[in-house]
């Protein structure tokens, strides 16, 4: 369980960083500096990480017996900026208690 949750936490943090890079760097560059070249690269990378995160969250929730509410929380965290960082605090507590 420890390694499964640790790997998922790492993926969640990477996915969260990719969302922040897209929203806070790539998109402002496109709309304020007319430099849109970064958006396709960061957007594509974030999209792959997001889909990987969703599949992993389903697998981890099934393996660890999460409630539907906890899985929905993990999904919500993936679409909100800084959400995966807040989720990481909960997952860290779960990992410490296991």
Protein backbone atom coordinates (compact mmCIF):
# COMPACT_ATOMS: atom_id res chain seq x y z
CA UNK A 1 0.00 0.00 0.00
CA UNK A 2 2.80 2.42 0.88
CA UNK A 3 4.43 2.29 -2.55
CA UNK A 4 1.09 2.51 -4.38
CA UNK A 5 0.07 5.61 -2.46
CA UNK A 6 3.56 7.12 -2.70
CA UNK A 7 3.59 6.72 -6.49
CA UNK A 8 0.10 8.19 -6.77
CA UNK A 9 1.09 11.15 -4.59
CA UNK A 10 4.08 11.81 -6.86
CA UNK A 11 1.90 11.62 -9.97
CA UNK A 12 -0.64 13.97 -8.36
CA UNK A 13 2.04 16.53 -7.58
CA UNK A 14 3.47 16.36 -11.10
CA UNK A 15 -0.02 16.75 -12.57
CA UNK A 16 -0.65 19.71 -10.28
CA UNK A 17 2.58 21.40 -11.36
CA UNK A 18 1.67 20.89 -15.03
CA UNK A 19 -1.70 22.58 -14.46
CA UNK A 20 -0.01 25.52 -12.75
CA UNK A 21 2.54 25.88 -15.54
CA UNK A 22 -0.29 25.87 -18.09
CA UNK A 23 -2.48 28.35 -16.21
CA UNK A 24 0.16 30.64 -14.73
CA UNK A 25 2.86 30.64 -17.40
CA UNK A 26 1.80 29.32 -20.80
CA UNK A 27 -1.65 30.92 -21.02
CA UNK A 28 -0.53 34.39 -19.82
CA UNK A 29 2.33 34.23 -22.31
CA UNK A 30 -0.18 33.54 -25.06
CA UNK A 31 -2.70 36.21 -24.16
CA UNK A 32 -0.53 38.98 -22.72
CA UNK A 33 2.71 38.59 -24.64
CA UNK A 34 1.35 37.12 -27.89
CA UNK A 35 3.74 34.19 -27.42
CA UNK A 36 1.52 31.14 -27.85
CA UNK A 37 4.23 28.65 -28.78
CA UNK A 38 4.36 27.17 -25.27
CA UNK A 39 0.64 26.37 -24.96
CA UNK A 40 0.58 23.32 -27.28
CA UNK A 41 3.58 21.75 -25.54
CA UNK A 42 2.43 22.38 -22.00
CA UNK A 43 -1.21 21.70 -22.88
CA UNK A 44 -0.41 18.35 -24.47
CA UNK A 45 1.84 17.36 -21.58
CA UNK A 46 -0.77 18.38 -19.03
CA UNK A 47 -3.48 16.50 -20.95
CA UNK A 48 -1.49 13.27 -20.89
CA UNK A 49 -0.69 13.72 -17.20
CA UNK A 50 -4.33 14.52 -16.41
CA UNK A 51 -5.61 11.38 -18.13
CA UNK A 52 -2.89 9.29 -16.48
CA UNK A 53 -3.86 10.79 -13.12
CA UNK A 54 -7.54 9.93 -13.64
CA UNK A 55 -6.79 6.32 -14.57
CA UNK A 56 -4.35 6.01 -11.66
CA UNK A 57 -6.86 7.52 -9.23
CA UNK A 58 -9.44 4.92 -10.24
CA UNK A 59 -6.91 2.10 -9.88
CA UNK A 60 -5.60 3.36 -6.53
CA UNK A 61 -9.09 3.98 -5.15
CA UNK A 62 -10.09 0.43 -6.09
CA UNK A 63 -6.91 -1.12 -4.71
CA UNK A 64 -7.02 0.80 -1.42
CA UNK A 65 -10.79 0.66 -0.99
CA UNK A 66 -11.46 4.38 -1.10
CA UNK A 67 -15.00 5.64 -0.78
CA UNK A 68 -16.66 7.28 -3.76
CA UNK A 69 -16.43 10.57 -1.86
CA UNK A 70 -12.66 10.30 -1.53
CA UNK A 71 -12.31 9.45 -5.21
CA UNK A 72 -14.52 12.43 -6.12
CA UNK A 73 -12.31 14.60 -3.93
CA UNK A 74 -9.25 13.38 -5.83
CA UNK A 75 -10.99 14.15 -9.13
CA UNK A 76 -11.98 17.63 -7.97
CA UNK A 77 -8.42 18.24 -6.81
CA UNK A 78 -7.15 17.51 -10.30
CA UNK A 79 -9.18 20.29 -11.93
CA UNK A 80 -8.54 23.03 -9.37
CA UNK A 81 -5.23 24.90 -9.32
CA UNK A 82 -3.34 23.88 -6.18
CA UNK A 83 -5.94 21.14 -5.59
CA UNK A 84 -3.51 18.26 -5.82
CA UNK A 85 -1.25 19.94 -3.27
CA UNK A 86 -4.13 20.13 -0.78
CA UNK A 87 -5.04 16.51 -1.58
CA UNK A 88 -1.44 15.53 -0.93
CA UNK A 89 -1.81 16.59 2.71
CA UNK A 90 -4.71 14.15 3.14
CA UNK A 91 -2.90 11.38 1.27
CA UNK A 92 0.23 11.95 3.36
CA UNK A 93 -1.80 11.47 6.53
CA UNK A 94 -3.34 8.30 5.07
CA UNK A 95 0.12 7.01 4.19
CA UNK A 96 1.46 7.75 7.68
CA UNK A 97 -1.48 5.95 9.32
CA UNK A 98 -1.11 2.84 7.16
